[in-house]
Amino acid sequence: MKEDVFYGKGMAYVKKDYPDIFKAVVGLNEAAYSGKVLDYRTQKLIALGITAAASDDRAMKKQMMSAMKEFNITRDEIVDVLRVVLLTSGNPPFTKAMKILYDITE
C-alpha cells in the first residue's frame, strides 16, 4: 500500500468523494510503513503473512504479486513466510496460500 496504492476498489470513491478520509488513510499508511526499524521489504513480508493467516484470497494474491514485483521476492521466500502461517494459523490458510502462490508463479 505504499505510495498511495490501495487495492480496495472502494478507495477510488473515497479518494474522489471523501478526500478527508482518504488523506487519513494515506497518513495511516505512511505511519505504518515508516521503516524506522524494519525496512519496507520486511514489512511487506509481514503483511503477506497476515493476509495469508486471515485466508483473504484477494489480499494474498495482491500482496504476493506486489512483493514479487516491487522487491523481486522469490517463491521460496514467500514459502518461508507461509511456513510460519502453517505453524500459527493452521493448514487451511497455509494450503490456500500455497495454491494462490503456485497459481501466480506457474
Protein backbone atom coordinates (compact mmCIF):
# COMPACT_ATOMS: atom_id res chain seq x y z
CA MET A 1 0.00 0.00 0.00
CA LYS A 2 2.97 2.30 -0.15
CA GLU A 3 2.84 5.36 -2.42
CA ASP A 4 -0.95 5.74 -2.25
CA VAL A 5 -1.64 2.42 -3.97
CA PHE A 6 -4.71 0.92 -2.33
CA TYR A 7 -6.20 -2.32 -3.54
CA GLY A 8 -9.73 -1.95 -2.24
CA LYS A 9 -11.92 -0.93 -5.15
CA GLY A 10 -13.89 1.37 -2.87
CA MET A 11 -10.86 3.57 -2.22
CA ALA A 12 -11.26 5.27 -5.62
CA TYR A 13 -14.67 6.52 -4.46
CA VAL A 14 -13.30 7.58 -1.11
CA LYS A 15 -10.46 9.49 -2.79
CA LYS A 16 -12.89 11.27 -5.11
CA ASP A 17 -15.81 11.99 -2.79
CA TYR A 18 -14.27 11.98 0.70
CA PRO A 19 -10.74 13.37 0.41
CA ASP A 20 -10.52 13.92 4.16
CA ILE A 21 -10.97 10.21 4.83
CA PHE A 22 -8.57 9.32 2.02
CA LYS A 23 -5.97 11.68 3.47
CA ALA A 24 -6.36 9.99 6.87
CA VAL A 25 -5.87 6.54 5.30
CA VAL A 26 -2.77 7.77 3.46
CA GLY A 27 -1.42 9.14 6.76
CA LEU A 28 -2.03 5.83 8.49
CA ASN A 29 -0.30 4.03 5.61
CA GLU A 30 2.72 6.30 5.93
CA ALA A 31 2.85 5.79 9.70
CA ALA A 32 2.57 2.01 9.39
CA TYR A 33 5.22 1.72 6.70
CA SER A 34 7.63 4.12 8.37
CA GLY A 35 10.75 1.99 8.03
CA LYS A 36 12.04 3.19 11.38
CA VAL A 37 13.46 -0.21 12.29
CA LEU A 38 12.14 -2.70 9.75
CA ASP A 39 12.55 -1.88 6.09
CA TYR A 40 9.57 -1.82 3.75
CA ARG A 41 10.55 -5.17 2.20
CA THR A 42 10.36 -6.87 5.60
CA GLN A 43 7.08 -5.13 6.36
CA LYS A 44 5.73 -6.37 3.01
CA LEU A 45 6.57 -9.97 4.01
CA ILE A 46 4.78 -9.44 7.33
CA ALA A 47 1.71 -8.06 5.52
CA LEU A 48 1.77 -11.09 3.25
CA GLY A 49 1.80 -13.41 6.27
CA ILE A 50 -1.08 -11.56 7.90
CA THR A 51 -3.26 -11.74 4.80
CA ALA A 52 -2.44 -15.42 4.41
CA ALA A 53 -3.27 -16.13 8.06
CA ALA A 54 -6.59 -14.35 7.57
CA SER A 55 -7.30 -16.51 4.48
CA ASP A 56 -8.08 -13.42 2.43
CA ASP A 57 -7.65 -14.76 -1.11
CA ARG A 58 -7.73 -11.44 -2.92
CA ALA A 59 -5.39 -9.69 -0.49
CA MET A 60 -2.98 -12.64 -0.50
CA LYS A 61 -2.74 -12.59 -4.27
CA LYS A 62 -2.21 -8.82 -4.33
CA GLN A 63 0.43 -8.95 -1.57
CA MET A 64 2.29 -11.79 -3.28
CA MET A 65 2.24 -10.10 -6.67
CA SER A 66 3.28 -6.78 -5.18
CA ALA A 67 6.12 -8.37 -3.19
CA MET A 68 7.46 -10.15 -6.25
CA LYS A 69 7.17 -7.07 -8.47
CA GLU A 70 8.46 -4.43 -6.04
CA PHE A 71 11.19 -6.43 -4.33
CA ASN A 72 11.86 -9.46 -6.50
CA ILE A 73 10.77 -11.60 -3.57
CA THR A 74 11.06 -15.22 -4.60
CA ARG A 75 8.60 -18.05 -4.27
CA ASP A 76 10.92 -19.66 -1.71
CA GLU A 77 10.90 -16.51 0.42
CA ILE A 78 7.11 -16.48 0.34
CA VAL A 79 7.05 -20.15 1.29
CA ASP A 80 9.23 -19.29 4.30
CA VAL A 81 6.56 -16.81 5.37
CA LEU A 82 3.85 -19.39 4.76
CA ARG A 83 5.68 -21.91 6.97
CA VAL A 84 5.05 -19.53 9.86
CA VAL A 85 1.42 -19.22 8.78
CA LEU A 86 1.15 -23.01 8.91
CA LEU A 87 2.56 -23.04 12.44
CA THR A 88 0.47 -20.17 13.77
CA SER A 89 -2.76 -20.38 11.79
CA GLY A 90 -3.01 -23.96 10.64
CA ASN A 91 -3.28 -25.98 7.48
CA PRO A 92 -6.33 -24.40 5.75
CA PRO A 93 -4.85 -20.90 5.37
CA PHE A 94 -1.46 -22.41 4.53
CA THR A 95 -2.74 -24.62 1.74
CA LYS A 96 -4.95 -21.85 0.37
CA ALA A 97 -1.94 -19.53 0.23
CA MET A 98 0.23 -22.20 -1.39
CA LYS A 99 -2.37 -22.69 -4.12
CA ILE A 100 -2.52 -18.95 -4.79
CA LEU A 101 1.28 -18.76 -4.84
CA TYR A 102 1.56 -21.56 -7.38
CA ASP A 103 -1.31 -20.17 -9.46
CA ILE A 104 0.57 -16.89 -9.92
CA THR A 105 4.06 -18.32 -10.32
CA GLU A 106 3.49 -21.17 -12.76
